[in-house]
PDB file of N, CA and C in Angstrom:
ATOM      1  N   MET A   1      -2.464  -2.476  15.971  1.00  0.00           N
ATOM      2  CA  MET A   1      -1.480  -2.065  14.978  1.00  0.00           C
ATOM      3  C   MET A   1      -0.366  -3.101  14.917  1.00  0.00           C
ATOM      4  N   SER A   2      -0.025  -3.494  13.735  1.00  0.00           N
ATOM      5  CA  SER A   2       1.023  -4.476  13.515  1.00  0.00           C
ATOM      6  C   SER A   2       2.388  -3.796  13.523  1.00  0.00           C
ATOM      7  N   SER A   3       3.433  -4.587  13.756  1.00  0.00           N
ATOM      8  CA  SER A   3       4.780  -4.020  13.761  1.00  0.00           C
ATOM      9  C   SER A   3       5.445  -4.111  12.395  1.00  0.00           C
ATOM     10  N   SER A   4       4.779  -4.744  11.436  1.00  0.00           N
ATOM     11  CA  SER A   4       5.290  -4.790  10.069  1.00  0.00           C
ATOM     12  C   SER A   4       4.141  -5.065   9.105  1.00  0.00           C
ATOM     13  N   MET A   5       4.374  -4.789   7.844  1.00  0.00           N
ATOM     14  CA  MET A   5       3.378  -5.039   6.808  1.00  0.00           C
ATOM     15  C   MET A   5       3.888  -6.127   5.879  1.00  0.00           C
ATOM     16  N   THR A   6       3.026  -7.066   5.571  1.00  0.00           N
ATOM     17  CA  THR A   6       3.341  -8.130   4.621  1.00  0.00           C
ATOM     18  C   THR A   6       2.513  -7.914   3.354  1.00  0.00           C
ATOM     19  N   PHE A   7       2.798  -8.699   2.338  1.00  0.00           N
ATOM     20  CA  PHE A   7       2.004  -8.635   1.117  1.00  0.00           C
ATOM     21  C   PHE A   7       0.537  -8.923   1.425  1.00  0.00           C
ATOM     22  N   GLY A   8       0.288  -9.915   2.268  1.00  0.00           N
ATOM     23  CA  GLY A   8      -1.098 -10.255   2.628  1.00  0.00           C
ATOM     24  C   GLY A   8      -1.819  -9.098   3.305  1.00  0.00           C
ATOM     25  N   ASP A   9      -1.101  -8.371   4.164  1.00  0.00           N
ATOM     26  CA  ASP A   9      -1.694  -7.203   4.822  1.00  0.00           C
ATOM     27  C   ASP A   9      -2.089  -6.144   3.793  1.00  0.00           C
ATOM     28  N   LEU A  10      -1.169  -5.863   2.866  1.00  0.00           N
ATOM     29  CA  LEU A  10      -1.448  -4.860   1.845  1.00  0.00           C
ATOM     30  C   LEU A  10      -2.584  -5.309   0.941  1.00  0.00           C
ATOM     31  N   LYS A  11      -2.594  -6.568   0.573  1.00  0.00           N
ATOM     32  CA  LYS A  11      -3.657  -7.088  -0.295  1.00  0.00           C
ATOM     33  C   LYS A  11      -5.014  -6.937   0.390  1.00  0.00           C
ATOM     34  N   ALA A  12      -5.076  -7.196   1.688  1.00  0.00           N
ATOM     35  CA  ALA A  12      -6.334  -7.041   2.422  1.00  0.00           C
ATOM     36  C   ALA A  12      -6.781  -5.582   2.426  1.00  0.00           C
ATOM     37  N   ILE A  13      -5.850  -4.673   2.641  1.00  0.00           N
ATOM     38  CA  ILE A  13      -6.178  -3.239   2.632  1.00  0.00           C
ATOM     39  C   ILE A  13      -6.659  -2.829   1.247  1.00  0.00           C
ATOM     40  N   MET A  14      -5.957  -3.274   0.223  1.00  0.00           N
ATOM     41  CA  MET A  14      -6.357  -2.940  -1.141  1.00  0.00           C
ATOM     42  C   MET A  14      -7.748  -3.488  -1.447  1.00  0.00           C
ATOM     43  N   GLY A  15      -8.037  -4.667  -0.948  1.00  0.00           N
ATOM     44  CA  GLY A  15      -9.361  -5.252  -1.155  1.00  0.00           C
ATOM     45  C   GLY A  15     -10.455  -4.440  -0.489  1.00  0.00           C
ATOM     46  N   ARG A  16     -10.189  -3.950   0.713  1.00  0.00           N
ATOM     47  CA  ARG A  16     -11.175  -3.119   1.407  1.00  0.00           C
ATOM     48  C   ARG A  16     -11.373  -1.780   0.697  1.00  0.00           C
ATOM     49  N   CYS A  17     -10.324  -1.283   0.081  1.00  0.00           N
ATOM     50  CA  CYS A  17     -10.401   0.025  -0.589  1.00  0.00           C
ATOM     51  C   CYS A  17     -10.992  -0.062  -1.985  1.00  0.00           C
ATOM     52  N   THR A  18     -10.614  -1.077  -2.720  1.00  0.00           N
ATOM     53  CA  THR A  18     -11.011  -1.127  -4.129  1.00  0.00           C
ATOM     54  C   THR A  18     -11.874  -2.334  -4.469  1.00  0.00           C
ATOM     55  N   GLY A  19     -11.798  -3.364  -3.658  1.00  0.00           N
ATOM     56  CA  GLY A  19     -12.576  -4.569  -3.922  1.00  0.00           C
ATOM     57  C   GLY A  19     -12.076  -5.383  -5.106  1.00  0.00           C
ATOM     58  N   ASP A  20     -10.981  -4.986  -5.699  1.00  0.00           N
ATOM     59  CA  ASP A  20     -10.507  -5.616  -6.930  1.00  0.00           C
ATOM     60  C   ASP A  20      -9.106  -6.174  -6.728  1.00  0.00           C
ATOM     61  N   ILE A  21      -9.014  -7.344  -6.096  1.00  0.00           N
ATOM     62  CA  ILE A  21      -7.689  -7.907  -5.812  1.00  0.00           C
ATOM     63  C   ILE A  21      -7.567  -9.360  -6.254  1.00  0.00           C
ATOM     64  N   GLU A  22      -8.555  -9.868  -6.941  1.00  0.00           N
ATOM     65  CA  GLU A  22      -8.554 -11.281  -7.321  1.00  0.00           C
ATOM     66  C   GLU A  22      -7.282 -11.704  -8.043  1.00  0.00           C
ATOM     67  N   GLN A  23      -6.786 -10.868  -8.932  1.00  0.00           N
ATOM     68  CA  GLN A  23      -5.636 -11.233  -9.748  1.00  0.00           C
ATOM     69  C   GLN A  23      -4.296 -10.837  -9.120  1.00  0.00           C
ATOM     70  N   LEU A  24      -4.319 -10.146  -7.982  1.00  0.00           N
ATOM     71  CA  LEU A  24      -3.087  -9.648  -7.369  1.00  0.00           C
ATOM     72  C   LEU A  24      -2.355 -10.768  -6.636  1.00  0.00           C
ATOM     73  N   THR A  25      -1.117 -11.022  -7.067  1.00  0.00           N
ATOM     74  CA  THR A  25      -0.284 -12.042  -6.423  1.00  0.00           C
ATOM     75  C   THR A  25       1.066 -11.430  -6.076  1.00  0.00           C
ATOM     76  N   GLU A  26       1.864 -12.179  -5.369  1.00  0.00           N
ATOM     77  CA  GLU A  26       3.197 -11.691  -5.019  1.00  0.00           C
ATOM     78  C   GLU A  26       4.054 -11.452  -6.260  1.00  0.00           C
ATOM     79  N   ASP A  27       3.698 -12.035  -7.382  1.00  0.00           N
ATOM     80  CA  ASP A  27       4.419 -11.769  -8.629  1.00  0.00           C
ATOM     81  C   ASP A  27       4.268 -10.319  -9.064  1.00  0.00           C
ATOM     82  N   HIS A  28       3.260  -9.613  -8.521  1.00  0.00           N
ATOM     83  CA  HIS A  28       2.978  -8.227  -8.895  1.00  0.00           C
ATOM     84  C   HIS A  28       3.621  -7.207  -7.947  1.00  0.00           C
ATOM     85  N   LEU A  29       4.448  -7.653  -7.022  1.00  0.00           N
ATOM     86  CA  LEU A  29       5.023  -6.735  -6.031  1.00  0.00           C
ATOM     87  C   LEU A  29       5.731  -5.543  -6.664  1.00  0.00           C
ATOM     88  N   GLY A  30       6.460  -5.759  -7.744  1.00  0.00           N
ATOM     89  CA  GLY A  30       7.209  -4.679  -8.370  1.00  0.00           C
ATOM     90  C   GLY A  30       6.483  -3.999  -9.518  1.00  0.00           C
ATOM     91  N   THR A  31       5.255  -4.417  -9.784  1.00  0.00           N
ATOM     92  CA  THR A  31       4.495  -3.869 -10.899  1.00  0.00           C
ATOM     93  C   THR A  31       3.865  -2.543 -10.496  1.00  0.00           C
ATOM     94  N   ALA A  32       3.948  -1.570 -11.376  1.00  0.00           N
ATOM     95  CA  ALA A  32       3.369  -0.250 -11.095  1.00  0.00           C
ATOM     96  C   ALA A  32       1.858  -0.363 -10.893  1.00  0.00           C
ATOM     97  N   PHE A  33       1.348   0.420  -9.938  1.00  0.00           N
ATOM     98  CA  PHE A  33      -0.092   0.417  -9.695  1.00  0.00           C
ATOM     99  C   PHE A  33      -0.864   0.729 -10.971  1.00  0.00           C
ATOM    100  N   THR A  34      -0.352   1.657 -11.781  1.00  0.00           N
ATOM    101  CA  THR A  34      -1.049   2.006 -13.014  1.00  0.00           C
ATOM    102  C   THR A  34      -1.121   0.803 -13.958  1.00  0.00           C
ATOM    103  N   ASP A  35      -0.079  -0.016 -13.983  1.00  0.00           N
ATOM    104  CA  ASP A  35      -0.090  -1.218 -14.822  1.00  0.00           C
ATOM    105  C   ASP A  35      -1.023  -2.289 -14.268  1.00  0.00           C
ATOM    106  N   LEU A  36      -1.327  -2.190 -12.978  1.00  0.00           N
ATOM    107  CA  LEU A  36      -2.266  -3.121 -12.346  1.00  0.00           C
ATOM    108  C   LEU A  36      -3.708  -2.621 -12.450  1.00  0.00           C
ATOM    109  N   GLY A  37      -3.876  -1.426 -13.030  1.00  0.00           N
ATOM    110  CA  GLY A  37      -5.216  -0.887 -13.216  1.00  0.00           C
ATOM    111  C   GLY A  37      -5.692   0.039 -12.113  1.00  0.00           C
ATOM    112  N   TYR A  38      -4.799   0.452 -11.216  1.00  0.00           N
ATOM    113  CA  TYR A  38      -5.160   1.358 -10.129  1.00  0.00           C
ATOM    114  C   TYR A  38      -4.795   2.783 -10.521  1.00  0.00           C
ATOM    115  N   ASP A  39      -5.738   3.705 -10.339  1.00  0.00           N
ATOM    116  CA  ASP A  39      -5.447   5.108 -10.623  1.00  0.00           C
ATOM    117  C   ASP A  39      -4.963   5.812  -9.360  1.00  0.00           C
ATOM    118  N   SER A  40      -4.648   7.092  -9.467  1.00  0.00           N
ATOM    119  CA  SER A  40      -4.096   7.837  -8.335  1.00  0.00           C
ATOM    120  C   SER A  40      -5.103   7.944  -7.189  1.00  0.00           C
ATOM    121  N   LEU A  41      -6.388   7.995  -7.493  1.00  0.00           N
ATOM    122  CA  LEU A  41      -7.406   8.045  -6.438  1.00  0.00           C
ATOM    123  C   LEU A  41      -7.399   6.762  -5.619  1.00  0.00           C
ATOM    124  N   ALA A  42      -7.264   5.631  -6.280  1.00  0.00           N
ATOM    125  CA  ALA A  42      -7.200   4.350  -5.565  1.00  0.00           C
ATOM    126  C   ALA A  42      -5.976   4.293  -4.665  1.00  0.00           C
ATOM    127  N   VAL A  43      -4.840   4.787  -5.151  1.00  0.00           N
ATOM    128  CA  VAL A  43      -3.620   4.790  -4.341  1.00  0.00           C
ATOM    129  C   VAL A  43      -3.801   5.701  -3.120  1.00  0.00           C
ATOM    130  N   LEU A  44      -4.463   6.837  -3.292  1.00  0.00           N
ATOM    131  CA  LEU A  44      -4.758   7.719  -2.151  1.00  0.00           C
ATOM    132  C   LEU A  44      -5.646   7.023  -1.129  1.00  0.00           C
ATOM    133  N   GLU A  45      -6.643   6.290  -1.594  1.00  0.00           N
ATOM    134  CA  GLU A  45      -7.518   5.553  -0.682  1.00  0.00           C
ATOM    135  C   GLU A  45      -6.745   4.485   0.072  1.00  0.00           C
ATOM    136  N   ILE A  46      -5.860   3.797  -0.613  1.00  0.00           N
ATOM    137  CA  ILE A  46      -5.025   2.769   0.027  1.00  0.00           C
ATOM    138  C   ILE A  46      -4.131   3.416   1.081  1.00  0.00           C
ATOM    139  N   ALA A  47      -3.500   4.538   0.744  1.00  0.00           N
ATOM    140  CA  ALA A  47      -2.630   5.241   1.695  1.00  0.00           C
ATOM    141  C   ALA A  47      -3.416   5.718   2.911  1.00  0.00           C
ATOM    142  N   SER A  48      -4.624   6.209   2.692  1.00  0.00           N
ATOM    143  CA  SER A  48      -5.459   6.659   3.814  1.00  0.00           C
ATOM    144  C   SER A  48      -5.808   5.504   4.737  1.00  0.00           C
ATOM    145  N   GLN A  49      -6.109   4.365   4.157  1.00  0.00           N
ATOM    146  CA  GLN A  49      -6.439   3.187   4.965  1.00  0.00           C
ATOM    147  C   GLN A  49      -5.214   2.722   5.754  1.00  0.00           C
ATOM    148  N   ILE A  50      -4.050   2.765   5.127  1.00  0.00           N
ATOM    149  CA  ILE A  50      -2.812   2.397   5.829  1.00  0.00           C
ATOM    150  C   ILE A  50      -2.595   3.339   7.008  1.00  0.00           C
ATOM    151  N   GLN A  51      -2.816   4.624   6.806  1.00  0.00           N
ATOM    152  CA  GLN A  51      -2.647   5.596   7.890  1.00  0.00           C
ATOM    153  C   GLN A  51      -3.571   5.257   9.061  1.00  0.00           C
ATOM    154  N   ARG A  52      -4.813   4.899   8.747  1.00  0.00           N
ATOM    155  CA  ARG A  52      -5.766   4.554   9.810  1.00  0.00           C
ATOM    156  C   ARG A  52      -5.370   3.268  10.535  1.00  0.00           C
ATOM    157  N   GLU A  53      -4.983   2.261   9.789  1.00  0.00           N
ATOM    158  CA  GLU A  53      -4.700   0.956  10.391  1.00  0.00           C
ATOM    159  C   GLU A  53      -3.346   0.878  11.084  1.00  0.00           C
ATOM    160  N   TYR A  54      -2.368   1.612  10.575  1.00  0.00           N
ATOM    161  CA  TYR A  54      -1.016   1.523  11.125  1.00  0.00           C
ATOM    162  C   TYR A  54      -0.616   2.750  11.932  1.00  0.00           C
ATOM    163  N   GLY A  55      -1.451   3.784  11.920  1.00  0.00           N
ATOM    164  CA  GLY A  55      -1.123   4.994  12.667  1.00  0.00           C
ATOM    165  C   GLY A  55       0.110   5.701  12.132  1.00  0.00           C
ATOM    166  N   LEU A  56       0.363   5.540  10.865  1.00  0.00           N
ATOM    167  CA  LEU A  56       1.558   6.083  10.229  1.00  0.00           C
ATOM    168  C   LEU A  56       1.162   7.247   9.341  1.00  0.00           C
ATOM    169  N   GLN A  57       1.718   8.418   9.596  1.00  0.00           N
ATOM    170  CA  GLN A  57       1.446   9.576   8.749  1.00  0.00           C
ATOM    171  C   GLN A  57       2.214   9.412   7.437  1.00  0.00           C
ATOM    172  N   ILE A  58       1.516   9.586   6.335  1.00  0.00           N
ATOM    173  CA  ILE A  58       2.140   9.453   5.024  1.00  0.00           C
ATOM    174  C   ILE A  58       1.991  10.776   4.290  1.00  0.00           C
ATOM    175  N   PRO A  59       3.086  11.533   4.139  1.00  0.00           N
ATOM    176  CA  PRO A  59       3.009  12.811   3.433  1.00  0.00           C
ATOM    177  C   PRO A  59       2.673  12.609   1.945  1.00  0.00           C
ATOM    178  N   ASP A  60       2.092  13.640   1.337  1.00  0.00           N
ATOM    179  CA  ASP A  60       1.690  13.559  -0.069  1.00  0.00           C
ATOM    180  C   ASP A  60       2.844  13.154  -0.981  1.00  0.00           C
ATOM    181  N   GLU A  61       4.027  13.717  -0.741  1.00  0.00           N
ATOM    182  CA  GLU A  61       5.157  13.378  -1.611  1.00  0.00           C
ATOM    183  C   GLU A  61       5.550  11.906  -1.482  1.00  0.00           C
ATOM    184  N   ALA A  62       5.336  11.312  -0.322  1.00  0.00           N
ATOM    185  CA  ALA A  62       5.631   9.891  -0.150  1.00  0.00           C
ATOM    186  C   ALA A  62       4.611   9.051  -0.923  1.00  0.00           C
ATOM    187  N   ILE A  63       3.355   9.496  -0.924  1.00  0.00           N
ATOM    188  CA  ILE A  63       2.324   8.775  -1.671  1.00  0.00           C
ATOM    189  C   ILE A  63       2.673   8.762  -3.156  1.00  0.00           C
ATOM    190  N   GLU A  64       3.186   9.879  -3.648  1.00  0.00           N
ATOM    191  CA  GLU A  64       3.582   9.948  -5.058  1.00  0.00           C
ATOM    192  C   GLU A  64       4.710   8.969  -5.371  1.00  0.00           C
ATOM    193  N   ASP A  65       5.546   8.661  -4.375  1.00  0.00           N
ATOM    194  CA  ASP A  65       6.655   7.725  -4.566  1.00  0.00           C
ATOM    195  C   ASP A  65       6.225   6.263  -4.446  1.00  0.00           C
ATOM    196  N   MET A  66       5.009   6.045  -3.958  1.00  0.00           N
ATOM    197  CA  MET A  66       4.503   4.681  -3.794  1.00  0.00           C
ATOM    198  C   MET A  66       3.907   4.224  -5.122  1.00  0.00           C
ATOM    199  N   THR A  67       4.754   3.701  -5.966  1.00  0.00           N
ATOM    200  CA  THR A  67       4.326   3.372  -7.321  1.00  0.00           C
ATOM    201  C   THR A  67       3.974   1.902  -7.519  1.00  0.00           C
ATOM    202  N   SER A  68       4.312   1.066  -6.531  1.00  0.00           N
ATOM    203  CA  SER A  68       4.055  -0.366  -6.646  1.00  0.00           C
ATOM    204  C   SER A  68       3.731  -0.927  -5.262  1.00  0.00           C
ATOM    205  N   PRO A  69       3.140  -2.115  -5.216  1.00  0.00           N
ATOM    206  CA  PRO A  69       2.894  -2.730  -3.908  1.00  0.00           C
ATOM    207  C   PRO A  69       4.167  -2.846  -3.061  1.00  0.00           C
ATOM    208  N   GLN A  70       5.297  -3.210  -3.681  1.00  0.00           N
ATOM    209  CA  GLN A  70       6.545  -3.339  -2.922  1.00  0.00           C
ATOM    210  C   GLN A  70       6.982  -2.016  -2.330  1.00  0.00           C
ATOM    211  N   SER A  71       6.827  -0.929  -3.077  1.00  0.00           N
ATOM    212  CA  SER A  71       7.240   0.375  -2.546  1.00  0.00           C
ATOM    213  C   SER A  71       6.383   0.786  -1.356  1.00  0.00           C
ATOM    214  N   VAL A  72       5.114   0.396  -1.346  1.00  0.00           N
ATOM    215  CA  VAL A  72       4.243   0.685  -0.202  1.00  0.00           C
ATOM    216  C   VAL A  72       4.702  -0.119   1.006  1.00  0.00           C
ATOM    217  N   ILE A  73       4.918  -1.403   0.816  1.00  0.00           N
ATOM    218  CA  ILE A  73       5.369  -2.272   1.917  1.00  0.00           C
ATOM    219  C   ILE A  73       6.690  -1.759   2.488  1.00  0.00           C
ATOM    220  N   ASP A  74       7.633  -1.401   1.624  1.00  0.00           N
ATOM    221  CA  ASP A  74       8.930  -0.894   2.082  1.00  0.00           C
ATOM    222  C   ASP A  74       8.762   0.394   2.883  1.00  0.00           C
ATOM    223  N   TYR A  75       7.925   1.308   2.391  1.00  0.00           N
ATOM    224  CA  TYR A  75       7.721   2.586   3.082  1.00  0.00           C
ATOM    225  C   TYR A  75       7.112   2.348   4.463  1.00  0.00           C
ATOM    226  N   VAL A  76       6.081   1.534   4.520  1.00  0.00           N
ATOM    227  CA  VAL A  76       5.411   1.277   5.802  1.00  0.00           C
ATOM    228  C   VAL A  76       6.361   0.600   6.781  1.00  0.00           C
ATOM    229  N   ASN A  77       7.084  -0.413   6.333  1.00  0.00           N
ATOM    230  CA  ASN A  77       7.989  -1.132   7.240  1.00  0.00           C
ATOM    231  C   ASN A  77       9.135  -0.239   7.717  1.00  0.00           C
ATOM    232  N   THR A  78       9.631   0.642   6.865  1.00  0.00           N
ATOM    233  CA  THR A  78      10.653   1.600   7.292  1.00  0.00           C
ATOM    234  C   THR A  78      10.083   2.548   8.333  1.00  0.00           C
ATOM    235  N   GLY A  79       8.882   3.028   8.094  1.00  0.00           N
ATOM    236  CA  GLY A  79       8.239   3.940   9.048  1.00  0.00           C
ATOM    237  C   GLY A  79       7.951   3.277  10.386  1.00  0.00           C
ATOM    238  N   LEU A  80       7.503   2.025  10.345  1.00  0.00           N
ATOM    239  CA  LEU A  80       7.201   1.299  11.575  1.00  0.00           C
ATOM    240  C   LEU A  80       8.470   0.985  12.363  1.00  0.00           C
ATOM    241  N   ALA A  81       9.557   0.724  11.664  1.00  0.00           N
ATOM    242  CA  ALA A  81      10.826   0.417  12.338  1.00  0.00           C
ATOM    243  C   ALA A  81      11.371   1.641  13.058  1.00  0.00           C
ATOM    244  N   ALA A  82      11.012   2.822  12.564  1.00  0.00           N
ATOM    245  CA  ALA A  82      11.501   4.070  13.179  1.00  0.00           C
ATOM    246  C   ALA A  82      10.713   4.469  14.417  1.00  0.00           C
ATOM    247  N   VAL A  83       9.573   3.814  14.631  1.00  0.00           N
ATOM    248  CA  VAL A  83       8.719   4.175  15.770  1.00  0.00           C
ATOM    249  C   VAL A  83       9.220   3.522  17.034  1.00  0.00           C
TER     250      VAL A  83
END
């Protein structure tokens, strides 16, 4: 388990979950997942993978607030800092 999440870490997780990350760059950090072509099921899969890899419990309401790659990174890093 890592002590922080980077864009590269999230991109790798997203790739394992959806396989569709070719066009994802750091320029997309603030872009909504829906605008990137990810539906709510994909976001749930990404959150589940994060929970497995980082040992971080993510409540449903927090998943709903994870609207962009940056919001996921911020949530995970805040959670990891509290551990």
